[in-house]
Amino acid sequence: HTGGNRAEAAKILGISATTLWRRLKEEAN
């Protein structure tokens, strides 16, 4: 079930990446 773990990791990374982008955009503005 390594694929499932990878999917979960990708989800977590994706969420953190989007939150970081939003914070950076807010700080830029």
PDB file of N, CA and C in Angstrom:
ATOM      1  N   HIS A   1       0.839  -1.209   0.000  1.00  0.00           N
ATOM      2  CA  HIS A   1       0.000   0.000   0.000  1.00  0.00           C
ATOM      3  C   HIS A   1       0.872   1.256   0.000  1.00  0.00           C
ATOM      4  N   THR A   2       2.008   1.163  -0.643  1.00  0.00           N
ATOM      5  CA  THR A   2       2.884   2.343  -0.686  1.00  0.00           C
ATOM      6  C   THR A   2       2.224   3.458  -1.485  1.00  0.00           C
ATOM      7  N   GLY A   3       1.487   3.087  -2.534  1.00  0.00           N
ATOM      8  CA  GLY A   3       0.822   4.099  -3.360  1.00  0.00           C
ATOM      9  C   GLY A   3      -0.120   4.948  -2.522  1.00  0.00           C
ATOM     10  N   GLY A   4      -0.873   4.305  -1.622  1.00  0.00           N
ATOM     11  CA  GLY A   4      -1.796   5.060  -0.776  1.00  0.00           C
ATOM     12  C   GLY A   4      -1.040   6.050   0.093  1.00  0.00           C
ATOM     13  N   ASN A   5       0.074   5.599   0.669  1.00  0.00           N
ATOM     14  CA  ASN A   5       0.862   6.508   1.507  1.00  0.00           C
ATOM     15  C   ASN A   5       1.368   7.679   0.680  1.00  0.00           C
ATOM     16  N   ARG A   6       1.794   7.382  -0.550  1.00  0.00           N
ATOM     17  CA  ARG A   6       2.292   8.466  -1.412  1.00  0.00           C
ATOM     18  C   ARG A   6       1.177   9.458  -1.691  1.00  0.00           C
ATOM     19  N   ALA A   7      -0.021   8.958  -1.938  1.00  0.00           N
ATOM     20  CA  ALA A   7      -1.152   9.850  -2.223  1.00  0.00           C
ATOM     21  C   ALA A   7      -1.415  10.752  -1.021  1.00  0.00           C
ATOM     22  N   GLU A   8      -1.375  10.174   0.167  1.00  0.00           N
ATOM     23  CA  GLU A   8      -1.613  10.980   1.373  1.00  0.00           C
ATOM     24  C   GLU A   8      -0.525  12.031   1.534  1.00  0.00           C
ATOM     25  N   ALA A   9       0.723  11.641   1.311  1.00  0.00           N
ATOM     26  CA  ALA A   9       1.837  12.588   1.431  1.00  0.00           C
ATOM     27  C   ALA A   9       1.668  13.710   0.416  1.00  0.00           C
ATOM     28  N   ALA A  10       1.273  13.359  -0.809  1.00  0.00           N
ATOM     29  CA  ALA A  10       1.080  14.371  -1.852  1.00  0.00           C
ATOM     30  C   ALA A  10      -0.019  15.338  -1.432  1.00  0.00           C
ATOM     31  N   LYS A  11      -1.080  14.800  -0.839  1.00  0.00           N
ATOM     32  CA  LYS A  11      -2.180  15.674  -0.394  1.00  0.00           C
ATOM     33  C   LYS A  11      -1.673  16.651   0.654  1.00  0.00           C
ATOM     34  N   ILE A  12      -0.943  16.136   1.646  1.00  0.00           N
ATOM     35  CA  ILE A  12      -0.427  16.998   2.719  1.00  0.00           C
ATOM     36  C   ILE A  12       0.514  18.054   2.132  1.00  0.00           C
ATOM     37  N   LEU A  13       1.407  17.616   1.243  1.00  0.00           N
ATOM     38  CA  LEU A  13       2.356  18.557   0.643  1.00  0.00           C
ATOM     39  C   LEU A  13       1.612  19.596  -0.179  1.00  0.00           C
ATOM     40  N   GLY A  14       0.612  19.160  -0.929  1.00  0.00           N
ATOM     41  CA  GLY A  14      -0.165  20.089  -1.756  1.00  0.00           C
ATOM     42  C   GLY A  14      -0.857  21.135  -0.903  1.00  0.00           C
ATOM     43  N   ILE A  15      -1.452  20.691   0.214  1.00  0.00           N
ATOM     44  CA  ILE A  15      -2.154  21.629   1.091  1.00  0.00           C
ATOM     45  C   ILE A  15      -1.164  22.639   1.665  1.00  0.00           C
ATOM     46  N   SER A  16      -0.014  22.157   2.148  1.00  0.00           N
ATOM     47  CA  SER A  16       0.977  23.060   2.738  1.00  0.00           C
ATOM     48  C   SER A  16       1.497  24.032   1.683  1.00  0.00           C
ATOM     49  N   ALA A  17       1.672  23.547   0.454  1.00  0.00           N
ATOM     50  CA  ALA A  17       2.179  24.404  -0.622  1.00  0.00           C
ATOM     51  C   ALA A  17       1.178  25.514  -0.914  1.00  0.00           C
ATOM     52  N   THR A  18      -0.109  25.172  -0.985  1.00  0.00           N
ATOM     53  CA  THR A  18      -1.121  26.188  -1.286  1.00  0.00           C
ATOM     54  C   THR A  18      -1.193  27.212  -0.159  1.00  0.00           C
ATOM     55  N   THR A  19      -1.120  26.751   1.082  1.00  0.00           N
ATOM     56  CA  THR A  19      -1.183  27.680   2.207  1.00  0.00           C
ATOM     57  C   THR A  19       0.023  28.616   2.181  1.00  0.00           C
ATOM     58  N   LEU A  20       1.192  28.080   1.835  1.00  0.00           N
ATOM     59  CA  LEU A  20       2.394  28.916   1.766  1.00  0.00           C
ATOM     60  C   LEU A  20       2.234  29.962   0.678  1.00  0.00           C
ATOM     61  N   TRP A  21       1.697  29.550  -0.480  1.00  0.00           N
ATOM     62  CA  TRP A  21       1.489  30.496  -1.586  1.00  0.00           C
ATOM     63  C   TRP A  21       0.547  31.614  -1.150  1.00  0.00           C
ATOM     64  N   ARG A  22      -0.531  31.234  -0.459  1.00  0.00           N
ATOM     65  CA  ARG A  22      -1.495  32.256  -0.026  1.00  0.00           C
ATOM     66  C   ARG A  22      -0.832  33.233   0.938  1.00  0.00           C
ATOM     67  N   ARG A  23      -0.054  32.710   1.874  1.00  0.00           N
ATOM     68  CA  ARG A  23       0.623  33.593   2.843  1.00  0.00           C
ATOM     69  C   ARG A  23       1.587  34.529   2.120  1.00  0.00           C
ATOM     70  N   LEU A  24       2.336  33.981   1.148  1.00  0.00           N
ATOM     71  CA  LEU A  24       3.294  34.805   0.411  1.00  0.00           C
ATOM     72  C   LEU A  24       2.561  35.892  -0.363  1.00  0.00           C
ATOM     73  N   LYS A  25       1.443  35.530  -0.981  1.00  0.00           N
ATOM     74  CA  LYS A  25       0.681  36.519  -1.751  1.00  0.00           C
ATOM     75  C   LYS A  25       0.160  37.612  -0.830  1.00  0.00           C
ATOM     76  N   GLU A  26      -0.353  37.222   0.334  1.00  0.00           N
ATOM     77  CA  GLU A  26      -0.877  38.216   1.276  1.00  0.00           C
ATOM     78  C   GLU A  26       0.237  39.151   1.737  1.00  0.00           C
ATOM     79  N   GLU A  27       1.412  38.582   2.023  1.00  0.00           N
ATOM     80  CA  GLU A  27       2.533  39.410   2.478  1.00  0.00           C
ATOM     81  C   GLU A  27       2.987  40.346   1.361  1.00  0.00           C
ATOM     82  N   ALA A  28       2.967  39.854   0.112  1.00  0.00           N
ATOM     83  CA  ALA A  28       3.392  40.675  -1.028  1.00  0.00           C
ATOM     84  C   ALA A  28       2.460  41.876  -1.181  1.00  0.00           C
ATOM     85  N   ASN A  29       1.162  41.636  -0.991  1.00  0.00           N
ATOM     86  CA  ASN A  29       0.191  42.723  -1.132  1.00  0.00           C
ATOM     87  C   ASN A  29       0.299  43.658   0.074  1.00  0.00           C
TER      88      ASN A  29
END
